[in-house]
C-alpha atoms as a PDB file:
ATOM      1  CA  MET A   1     126.766 220.937 112.796  1.00  0.00           C
ATOM      2  CA  ALA A   2     124.397 221.565 115.345  1.00  0.00           C
ATOM      3  CA  LEU A   3     121.878 221.380 112.693  1.00  0.00           C
ATOM      4  CA  ILE A   4     123.111 217.856 111.409  1.00  0.00           C
ATOM      5  CA  ALA A   5     122.914 216.566 114.891  1.00  0.00           C
ATOM      6  CA  LYS A   6     119.446 218.705 115.357  1.00  0.00           C
ATOM      7  CA  LEU A   7     118.548 216.559 112.222  1.00  0.00           C
ATOM      8  CA  GLU A   8     119.549 213.255 113.261  1.00  0.00           C
ATOM      9  CA  GLY A   9     117.286 213.654 116.316  1.00  0.00           C
ATOM     10  CA  TYR A  10     114.081 214.237 114.333  1.00  0.00           C
ATOM     11  CA  LEU A  11     115.092 210.778 112.561  1.00  0.00           C
ATOM     12  CA  LYS A  12     113.681 208.502 115.129  1.00  0.00           C
ATOM     13  CA  THR A  13     110.783 210.244 115.924  1.00  0.00           C
ATOM     14  CA  SER A  14     109.837 211.356 112.895  1.00  0.00           C
ATOM     15  CA  SER A  15     106.807 210.233 110.317  1.00  0.00           C
ATOM     16  CA  ASP A  16     108.899 210.788 107.568  1.00  0.00           C
ATOM     17  CA  PRO A  17     112.211 209.787 107.484  1.00  0.00           C
ATOM     18  CA  ASP A  18     113.423 209.795 103.780  1.00  0.00           C
ATOM     19  CA  GLN A  19     112.610 213.494 104.644  1.00  0.00           C
ATOM     20  CA  VAL A  20     114.889 213.534 107.115  1.00  0.00           C
ATOM     21  CA  ARG A  21     117.714 212.050 105.503  1.00  0.00           C
ATOM     22  CA  GLN A  22     117.535 213.874 102.679  1.00  0.00           C
ATOM     23  CA  SER A  23     116.904 217.292 104.878  1.00  0.00           C
ATOM     24  CA  ILE A  24     120.485 215.508 106.750  1.00  0.00           C
ATOM     25  CA  ALA A  25     122.510 215.183 103.085  1.00  0.00           C
ATOM     26  CA  ARG A  26     121.423 218.666 101.986  1.00  0.00           C
ATOM     27  CA  ALA A  27     123.267 219.997 105.651  1.00  0.00           C
ATOM     28  CA  ARG A  28     125.884 218.282 105.185  1.00  0.00           C
ATOM     29  CA  ALA A  29     126.569 218.738 101.335  1.00  0.00           C
ATOM     30  CA  ASP A  30     126.290 222.867 102.718  1.00  0.00           C
ATOM     31  CA  LEU A  31     128.440 222.287 105.709  1.00  0.00           C
ATOM     32  CA  ALA A  32     131.620 220.350 102.936  1.00  0.00           C
ATOM     33  CA  LYS A  33     130.889 223.136 100.613  1.00  0.00           C
ATOM     34  CA  VAL A  34     131.240 225.838 103.325  1.00  0.00           C
ATOM     35  CA  GLU A  35     134.871 223.555 104.933  1.00  0.00           C
ATOM     36  CA  ALA A  36     136.041 224.231 101.596  1.00  0.00           C
ATOM     37  CA  ASP A  37     135.150 227.415 100.913  1.00  0.00           C
ATOM     38  CA  LEU A  38     137.242 228.441 104.392  1.00  0.00           C
ATOM     39  CA  ILE A  39     139.941 226.780 103.313  1.00  0.00           C
ATOM     40  CA  SER A  40     140.735 228.081  99.804  1.00  0.00           C
ATOM     41  CA  ALA A  41     139.578 231.461 102.207  1.00  0.00           C
ATOM     42  CA  ARG A  42     142.612 230.554 104.018  1.00  0.00           C
ATOM     43  CA  ALA A  43     144.757 229.765 101.351  1.00  0.00           C
ATOM     44  CA  ALA A  44     144.040 233.065  99.432  1.00  0.00           C
ATOM     45  CA  GLU A  45     144.630 234.895 102.970  1.00  0.00           C
ATOM     46  CA  ALA A  46     147.876 232.962 103.091  1.00  0.00           C
ATOM     47  CA  ASP A  47     149.026 233.947  99.850  1.00  0.00           C
ATOM     48  CA  ALA A  48     147.988 237.620 100.109  1.00  0.00           C
ATOM     49  CA  SER A  49     150.172 237.668 103.297  1.00  0.00           C
ATOM     50  CA  GLN A  50     153.234 236.498 101.242  1.00  0.00           C
ATOM     51  CA  ARG A  51     152.769 238.558  98.769  1.00  0.00           C
ATOM     52  CA  SER A  52     152.647 241.563 101.218  1.00  0.00           C
ATOM     53  CA  ALA A  53     155.901 240.771 102.860  1.00  0.00           C
ATOM     54  CA  ALA A  54     157.929 240.484  99.434  1.00  0.00           C
ATOM     55  CA  ALA A  55     156.411 243.907  98.392  1.00  0.00           C
ATOM     56  CA  GLY A  56     157.191 245.526 101.628  1.00  0.00           C
ATOM     57  CA  ASN A  57     160.499 243.505 101.416  1.00  0.00           C
ATOM     58  CA  LEU A  58     161.301 244.583  97.520  1.00  0.00           C
ATOM     59  CA  HIS A  59     160.084 248.544  98.843  1.00  0.00           C
ATOM     60  CA  SER A  60     162.477 248.207 101.982  1.00  0.00           C
ATOM     61  CA  SER A  61     165.162 246.996  99.366  1.00  0.00           C
ATOM     62  CA  CYS A  62     164.448 249.695  96.280  1.00  0.00           C
ATOM     63  CA  GLN A  63     164.615 252.491  99.677  1.00  0.00           C
ATOM     64  CA  ARG A  64     167.558 250.819 100.977  1.00  0.00           C
ATOM     65  CA  MET A  65     169.224 251.872  97.488  1.00  0.00           C
ATOM     66  CA  VAL A  66     167.753 255.229  96.238  1.00  0.00           C
ATOM     67  CA  ASP A  67     169.309 256.148 100.366  1.00  0.00           C
ATOM     68  CA  ASN A  68     172.909 254.397  98.937  1.00  0.00           C
ATOM     69  CA  ARG A  69     172.816 256.294  95.896  1.00  0.00           C
ATOM     70  CA  GLY A  70     171.930 259.456  97.361  1.00  0.00           C
ATOM     71  CA  ARG A  71     174.452 259.001  99.193  1.00  0.00           C
ATOM     72  CA  LEU A  72     177.432 258.622  96.520  1.00  0.00           C
ATOM     73  CA  ALA A  73     176.284 261.377  94.342  1.00  0.00           C
END
């Protein structure tokens, strides 16, 4: 965002404002892609965390089942 603000500052004094506008558009598109990638990564992290918790719960349940069967035998 600092880059976009800097480019917008150049826009006022630039001899080629169209080029600066194109740079601003590219910077905004790049920022949008990074934001989308970050959202996707956060969703993947949350999903992995849920799967990890489920696997841990399953492991604990299996361990209790093994322990209980050992006592019954």
